[in-house]
C-alpha atoms as a PDB file:
ATOM      1  CA  MET A   1       0.000   0.000   0.000  1.00  0.00           C
ATOM      2  CA  LYS A   2       1.514   3.323  -1.047  1.00  0.00           C
ATOM      3  CA  PHE A   3       0.787   6.637   0.494  1.00  0.00           C
ATOM      4  CA  SER A   4       1.280  10.126  -0.774  1.00  0.00           C
ATOM      5  CA  LEU A   5       1.162  13.293   1.189  1.00  0.00           C
ATOM      6  CA  LEU A   6      -1.239  15.993   0.148  1.00  0.00           C
ATOM      7  CA  LEU A   7       0.129  19.193   1.560  1.00  0.00           C
ATOM      8  CA  ALA A   8      -2.233  21.970   2.358  1.00  0.00           C
ATOM      9  CA  PHE A   9      -1.426  25.173   4.121  1.00  0.00           C
ATOM     10  CA  LEU A  10      -3.030  28.453   4.976  1.00  0.00           C
ATOM     11  CA  VAL A  11      -1.595  31.123   2.700  1.00  0.00           C
ATOM     12  CA  ALA A  12      -2.053  33.981   5.106  1.00  0.00           C
ATOM     13  CA  ALA A  13       0.092  33.628   8.194  1.00  0.00           C
ATOM     14  CA  ILE A  14      -1.863  34.191  11.368  1.00  0.00           C
ATOM     15  CA  GLY A  15      -1.090  36.482  14.254  1.00  0.00           C
ATOM     16  CA  LEU A  16       1.772  38.413  12.692  1.00  0.00           C
ATOM     17  CA  SER A  17       3.074  41.429  14.537  1.00  0.00           C
ATOM     18  CA  THR A  18       6.237  43.458  14.508  1.00  0.00           C
ATOM     19  CA  HIS A  19       8.264  43.645  17.680  1.00  0.00           C
ATOM     20  CA  ALA A  20      10.431  46.510  18.744  1.00  0.00           C
ATOM     21  CA  GLN A  21      12.357  46.642  21.964  1.00  0.00           C
ATOM     22  CA  THR A  22      13.688  49.449  24.087  1.00  0.00           C
ATOM     23  CA  ARG A  23      16.126  48.950  26.919  1.00  0.00           C
ATOM     24  CA  ASP A  24      13.338  48.049  29.398  1.00  0.00           C
ATOM     25  CA  THR A  25      10.247  47.263  27.353  1.00  0.00           C
ATOM     26  CA  ALA A  26       9.205  45.129  24.389  1.00  0.00           C
ATOM     27  CA  TYR A  27       6.136  46.190  22.428  1.00  0.00           C
ATOM     28  CA  SER A  28       4.292  45.249  19.244  1.00  0.00           C
ATOM     29  CA  ILE A  29       3.228  47.365  16.289  1.00  0.00           C
ATOM     30  CA  GLN A  30       1.444  46.368  13.083  1.00  0.00           C
ATOM     31  CA  ALA A  31       3.709  45.727  10.101  1.00  0.00           C
ATOM     32  CA  GLU A  32       2.788  47.375   6.784  1.00  0.00           C
ATOM     33  CA  ILE A  33       4.114  44.358   4.898  1.00  0.00           C
ATOM     34  CA  GLN A  34       4.229  41.027   6.701  1.00  0.00           C
ATOM     35  CA  PRO A  35       7.206  38.678   6.465  1.00  0.00           C
ATOM     36  CA  ALA A  36       6.860  36.103   3.707  1.00  0.00           C
ATOM     37  CA  PHE A  37       8.520  33.102   2.148  1.00  0.00           C
ATOM     38  CA  PRO A  38      10.562  34.200  -0.913  1.00  0.00           C
ATOM     39  CA  GLY A  39       8.438  33.909  -4.051  1.00  0.00           C
ATOM     40  CA  GLY A  40       5.135  33.960  -2.195  1.00  0.00           C
ATOM     41  CA  ALA A  41       2.522  31.349  -1.366  1.00  0.00           C
ATOM     42  CA  MET A  42       3.034  29.125  -4.412  1.00  0.00           C
ATOM     43  CA  SER A  43       6.788  28.945  -3.774  1.00  0.00           C
ATOM     44  CA  PHE A  44       6.083  28.005  -0.164  1.00  0.00           C
ATOM     45  CA  LYS A  45       3.691  25.257  -1.324  1.00  0.00           C
ATOM     46  CA  ARG A  46       6.339  23.883  -3.714  1.00  0.00           C
ATOM     47  CA  TYR A  47       8.891  23.999  -0.902  1.00  0.00           C
ATOM     48  CA  LEU A  48       6.522  22.042   1.363  1.00  0.00           C
ATOM     49  CA  ASP A  49       5.723  19.534  -1.400  1.00  0.00           C
ATOM     50  CA  ARG A  50       9.433  18.745  -1.731  1.00  0.00           C
ATOM     51  CA  ASN A  51      10.477  18.879   1.919  1.00  0.00           C
ATOM     52  CA  LEU A  52       7.634  18.154   4.338  1.00  0.00           C
ATOM     53  CA  ARG A  53       7.321  14.501   5.316  1.00  0.00           C
ATOM     54  CA  TYR A  54       4.289  12.913   6.908  1.00  0.00           C
ATOM     55  CA  PRO A  55       5.619  11.699  10.281  1.00  0.00           C
ATOM     56  CA  TYR A  56       6.411   7.995  10.242  1.00  0.00           C
ATOM     57  CA  ASP A  57       4.886   7.489  13.706  1.00  0.00           C
ATOM     58  CA  ALA A  58       1.543   8.817  12.411  1.00  0.00           C
ATOM     59  CA  VAL A  59       1.340   6.975   9.056  1.00  0.00           C
ATOM     60  CA  TRP A  60      -1.169   4.369  10.186  1.00  0.00           C
ATOM     61  CA  LYS A  61      -3.428   6.833  11.992  1.00  0.00           C
ATOM     62  CA  GLY A  62      -4.124   8.654   8.729  1.00  0.00           C
ATOM     63  CA  ILE A  63      -5.795  11.630  10.345  1.00  0.00           C
ATOM     64  CA  PRO A  64      -5.086  15.207   9.306  1.00  0.00           C
ATOM     65  CA  ASP A  65      -3.295  17.342  11.832  1.00  0.00           C
ATOM     66  CA  THR A  66      -2.419  21.015  11.978  1.00  0.00           C
ATOM     67  CA  VAL A  67       0.671  22.451  13.611  1.00  0.00           C
ATOM     68  CA  VAL A  68       1.218  26.173  14.148  1.00  0.00           C
ATOM     69  CA  VAL A  69       4.882  27.169  14.137  1.00  0.00           C
ATOM     70  CA  GLN A  70       5.998  30.484  15.584  1.00  0.00           C
ATOM     71  CA  PHE A  71       9.332  32.086  14.695  1.00  0.00           C
ATOM     72  CA  ILE A  72      11.137  35.407  14.319  1.00  0.00           C
ATOM     73  CA  VAL A  73      12.050  36.799  10.900  1.00  0.00           C
ATOM     74  CA  ALA A  74      14.976  39.200  11.415  1.00  0.00           C
ATOM     75  CA  ARG A  75      15.708  42.319   9.371  1.00  0.00           C
ATOM     76  CA  ASP A  76      18.160  40.343   7.240  1.00  0.00           C
ATOM     77  CA  GLY A  77      15.573  37.576   6.592  1.00  0.00           C
ATOM     78  CA  THR A  78      17.122  34.957   8.855  1.00  0.00           C
ATOM     79  CA  ILE A  79      14.733  33.014  11.042  1.00  0.00           C
ATOM     80  CA  SER A  80      15.199  32.090  14.685  1.00  0.00           C
ATOM     81  CA  ASN A  81      13.305  31.081  17.840  1.00  0.00           C
ATOM     82  CA  ILE A  82      11.389  28.423  15.907  1.00  0.00           C
ATOM     83  CA  GLU A  83       8.791  26.702  18.066  1.00  0.00           C
ATOM     84  CA  ALA A  84       5.639  24.638  17.513  1.00  0.00           C
ATOM     85  CA  ILE A  85       2.980  26.339  19.627  1.00  0.00           C
ATOM     86  CA  SER A  86       0.040  24.069  18.810  1.00  0.00           C
ATOM     87  CA  GLY A  87      -0.643  20.683  17.321  1.00  0.00           C
ATOM     88  CA  PRO A  88      -0.595  17.104  18.567  1.00  0.00           C
ATOM     89  CA  ALA A  89       1.986  16.403  21.251  1.00  0.00           C
ATOM     90  CA  THR A  90       2.645  12.901  19.890  1.00  0.00           C
ATOM     91  CA  GLY A  91       3.129  11.454  16.430  1.00  0.00           C
ATOM     92  CA  GLY A  92       6.011  13.644  15.274  1.00  0.00           C
ATOM     93  CA  PHE A  93       3.940  16.412  13.646  1.00  0.00           C
ATOM     94  CA  ARG A  94       5.403  19.246  15.741  1.00  0.00           C
ATOM     95  CA  GLU A  95       8.969  18.087  15.203  1.00  0.00           C
ATOM     96  CA  GLU A  96       8.481  17.787  11.429  1.00  0.00           C
ATOM     97  CA  ALA A  97       6.863  21.233  11.149  1.00  0.00           C
ATOM     98  CA  VAL A  98       9.738  22.817  13.093  1.00  0.00           C
ATOM     99  CA  ARG A  99      12.303  20.931  10.971  1.00  0.00           C
ATOM    100  CA  VAL A 100      10.820  22.114   7.683  1.00  0.00           C
ATOM    101  CA  ILE A 101      10.578  25.762   8.809  1.00  0.00           C
ATOM    102  CA  LYS A 102      14.140  25.633  10.169  1.00  0.00           C
ATOM    103  CA  LYS A 103      15.354  24.347   6.790  1.00  0.00           C
ATOM    104  CA  SER A 104      13.423  26.992   4.791  1.00  0.00           C
ATOM    105  CA  GLY A 105      16.278  29.505   4.614  1.00  0.00           C
ATOM    106  CA  LYS A 106      15.932  33.275   4.579  1.00  0.00           C
ATOM    107  CA  TRP A 107      12.490  34.887   4.395  1.00  0.00           C
ATOM    108  CA  VAL A 108      11.488  38.332   3.147  1.00  0.00           C
ATOM    109  CA  PRO A 109      11.391  40.550   6.273  1.00  0.00           C
ATOM    110  CA  ALA A 110       8.487  42.717   7.429  1.00  0.00           C
ATOM    111  CA  ILE A 111       8.326  46.398   6.514  1.00  0.00           C
ATOM    112  CA  VAL A 112       7.407  49.128   9.033  1.00  0.00           C
ATOM    113  CA  ASP A 113       7.627  52.809   8.084  1.00  0.00           C
ATOM    114  CA  GLY A 114       9.353  51.825   4.840  1.00  0.00           C
ATOM    115  CA  ARG A 115      12.169  49.950   6.606  1.00  0.00           C
ATOM    116  CA  GLN A 116      12.866  46.259   7.068  1.00  0.00           C
ATOM    117  CA  THR A 117      12.287  45.154  10.642  1.00  0.00           C
ATOM    118  CA  SER A 118      12.303  42.023  12.763  1.00  0.00           C
ATOM    119  CA  CYS A 119       8.898  40.447  13.134  1.00  0.00           C
ATOM    120  CA  ALA A 120       7.300  37.492  14.891  1.00  0.00           C
ATOM    121  CA  ALA A 121       5.398  35.164  12.557  1.00  0.00           C
ATOM    122  CA  LYS A 122       3.037  32.227  13.021  1.00  0.00           C
ATOM    123  CA  GLN A 123       2.640  29.749  10.171  1.00  0.00           C
ATOM    124  CA  PRO A 124       0.056  26.955  10.240  1.00  0.00           C
ATOM    125  CA  ILE A 125       0.992  23.750   8.439  1.00  0.00           C
ATOM    126  CA  ILE A 126      -1.701  21.147   7.730  1.00  0.00           C
ATOM    127  CA  PHE A 127      -0.648  17.517   7.295  1.00  0.00           C
ATOM    128  CA  VAL A 128      -3.056  15.371   5.251  1.00  0.00           C
ATOM    129  CA  LYS A 129      -2.248  11.807   4.186  1.00  0.00           C
ATOM    130  CA  GLN A 130      -4.022  10.277   1.177  1.00  0.00           C
ATOM    131  CA  GLU A 131      -3.950   6.748  -0.164  1.00  0.00           C
ATOM    132  CA  GLU A 132      -2.734   6.341  -3.746  1.00  0.00           C
END
């Protein structure tokens, strides 16, 4: 029995905000242009198609699962502080979502007042397994 992975994702990232920090206080402001994967949504889908693997531990369950990954996109496009903030605690979904975001390379940074700025981003990734 062969399985293929149908990858679906939400194009619009949820809960994006730009963070600025003074010596004593961190605060959030709305970014004019949100951080994005280079090339846009279709490039991100192609990247997921090639790199995201349905977790081996979950193959026989066959149920769709969603993981939300939170990370920081710096002014230079590098990503850091990658963390799965929701999704099933077992089955390997969180670990795979973090792995694929970590491997994604530089992103296009957020823009605030016409300048590139560091920004927190949340990206949902939906895992769906289909029989061939």
